Amino acid sequence: MLLRWLWAAAFLAVIAGSLLPADSLPIRALSHFGVGDKLQHFAAYAVLAFLPALHERWPALAAVLAAVVGTGVLLEFAQNYSPGRSFEIGDMVADTVGALCGLVLGLPLRA
C-alpha cells in the first residue's frame, strides 16, 4: 500500500513539475543542480515505472506502463500552454526510455 501512495505522490509531482512555468521557483531550483533536462525526464519516468514493477500484477503493470508513457506524451503537448515551456519529442523519448528502464530494473526485485 505504501508503494502505491509513493507512486501517486511521484505521479502528481511529475505532472506539477511538467506544467509549472519555466520561471517558477521549483523549476529554477532544479536548474541549479546542473542535471540535464533529458536526464530529469528519464529519472522521473523510471521512478513511475519502477515502483509499480515491484508489486503490481502483470495486467495492472501493463496498464500503469501505458498510462505513464501516455501521460508523458500528453504533458509534453500541454507544455505548449505553460509559460517558458515547449514541446520536445526528445523529452517524450526520454520519458519512454526511462519508463522501460524502470520496469526492467524493478521486475527482478519483485516480492
Protein backbone atom coordinates (compact mmCIF):
# COMPACT_ATOMS: atom_id res chain seq x y z
CA MET A 1 0.00 0.00 0.00
CA LEU A 2 2.85 2.37 0.82
CA LEU A 3 4.32 1.88 -2.65
CA ARG A 4 1.02 2.93 -4.21
CA TRP A 5 0.98 6.12 -2.14
CA LEU A 6 4.58 6.85 -3.09
CA TRP A 7 3.73 6.24 -6.73
CA ALA A 8 0.71 8.58 -6.55
CA ALA A 9 2.85 11.29 -4.95
CA ALA A 10 5.54 10.84 -7.62
CA PHE A 11 2.92 10.90 -10.38
CA LEU A 12 1.44 14.16 -9.07
CA ALA A 13 4.95 15.64 -8.70
CA VAL A 14 5.75 14.77 -12.33
CA ILE A 15 2.50 16.38 -13.52
CA ALA A 16 3.11 19.51 -11.47
CA GLY A 17 6.75 19.73 -12.49
CA SER A 18 5.85 19.32 -16.13
CA LEU A 19 3.25 22.08 -16.12
CA LEU A 20 4.89 24.69 -13.91
CA PRO A 21 6.12 27.79 -15.76
CA ALA A 22 9.83 27.80 -16.56
CA ASP A 23 10.45 30.75 -14.24
CA SER A 24 8.74 29.15 -11.23
CA LEU A 25 10.80 28.58 -8.09
CA PRO A 26 10.82 24.74 -8.25
CA ILE A 27 11.91 24.70 -11.90
CA ARG A 28 14.62 27.30 -11.28
CA ALA A 29 15.82 25.28 -8.27
CA LEU A 30 16.09 22.16 -10.43
CA SER A 31 18.24 24.02 -12.92
CA HIS A 32 20.80 24.76 -10.20
CA PHE A 33 21.60 21.06 -9.84
CA GLY A 34 23.13 21.00 -13.32
CA VAL A 35 21.20 17.88 -14.30
CA GLY A 36 20.16 17.89 -17.93
CA ASP A 37 16.54 18.08 -18.99
CA LYS A 38 16.55 14.66 -20.63
CA LEU A 39 18.07 13.02 -17.56
CA GLN A 40 15.36 14.61 -15.39
CA HIS A 41 12.69 13.20 -17.71
CA PHE A 42 14.38 9.78 -17.75
CA ALA A 43 14.67 9.61 -13.96
CA ALA A 44 11.14 10.80 -13.25
CA TYR A 45 9.54 8.27 -15.57
CA ALA A 46 11.88 5.50 -14.41
CA VAL A 47 10.54 6.02 -10.88
CA LEU A 48 6.95 5.99 -12.16
CA ALA A 49 7.52 2.56 -13.73
CA PHE A 50 9.89 1.16 -11.09
CA LEU A 51 7.52 1.46 -8.11
CA PRO A 52 4.63 -0.50 -9.68
CA ALA A 53 7.06 -3.05 -11.13
CA LEU A 54 7.89 -4.02 -7.56
CA HIS A 55 4.42 -5.22 -6.64
CA GLU A 56 1.70 -4.94 -9.29
CA ARG A 57 0.43 -7.95 -11.22
CA TRP A 58 1.01 -8.02 -14.96
CA PRO A 59 -2.35 -6.68 -16.19
CA ALA A 60 -2.16 -3.72 -13.81
CA LEU A 61 1.52 -3.22 -14.55
CA ALA A 62 0.88 -3.10 -18.30
CA ALA A 63 -1.90 -0.56 -17.73
CA VAL A 64 0.32 1.57 -15.50
CA LEU A 65 3.15 1.49 -18.03
CA ALA A 66 0.79 2.54 -20.84
CA ALA A 67 -0.65 5.30 -18.64
CA VAL A 68 2.80 6.56 -17.67
CA VAL A 69 4.01 6.74 -21.27
CA GLY A 70 0.71 8.28 -22.39
CA THR A 71 0.92 10.85 -19.63
CA GLY A 72 4.42 11.78 -20.76
CA VAL A 73 3.17 12.40 -24.29
CA LEU A 74 0.14 14.40 -23.14
CA LEU A 75 2.18 16.51 -20.73
CA GLU A 76 4.64 17.33 -23.47
CA PHE A 77 1.83 18.72 -25.60
CA ALA A 78 0.41 20.55 -22.57
CA GLN A 79 3.73 22.30 -22.02
CA ASN A 80 2.95 24.44 -25.06
CA TYR A 81 0.48 26.25 -22.81
CA SER A 82 2.85 26.77 -19.88
CA PRO A 83 4.94 29.97 -19.99
CA GLY A 84 8.53 29.36 -20.98
CA ARG A 85 7.99 25.66 -21.63
CA SER A 86 7.98 23.94 -25.00
CA PHE A 87 7.14 20.69 -26.74
CA GLU A 88 10.09 18.37 -27.43
CA ILE A 89 9.99 14.93 -28.97
CA GLY A 90 13.29 14.19 -27.22
CA ASP A 91 11.54 14.58 -23.88
CA MET A 92 8.92 12.02 -24.89
CA VAL A 93 11.69 9.63 -25.89
CA ALA A 94 13.45 10.18 -22.54
CA ASP A 95 10.14 9.58 -20.73
CA THR A 96 9.52 6.32 -22.58
CA VAL A 97 13.08 5.01 -22.23
CA GLY A 98 13.03 5.93 -18.53
CA ALA A 99 9.74 4.08 -18.01
CA LEU A 100 11.07 0.98 -19.77
CA CYS A 101 14.28 1.05 -17.75
CA GLY A 102 12.35 1.50 -14.50
CA LEU A 103 10.26 -1.53 -15.40
CA VAL A 104 13.31 -3.64 -16.26
CA LEU A 105 15.08 -2.62 -13.04
CA GLY A 106 12.03 -3.27 -10.86
CA LEU A 107 10.99 -6.67 -12.17
CA PRO A 108 13.90 -8.66 -10.65
CA LEU A 109 13.18 -7.08 -7.26
CA ARG A 110 9.55 -8.21 -7.08
CA ALA A 111 8.50 -9.72 -3.75
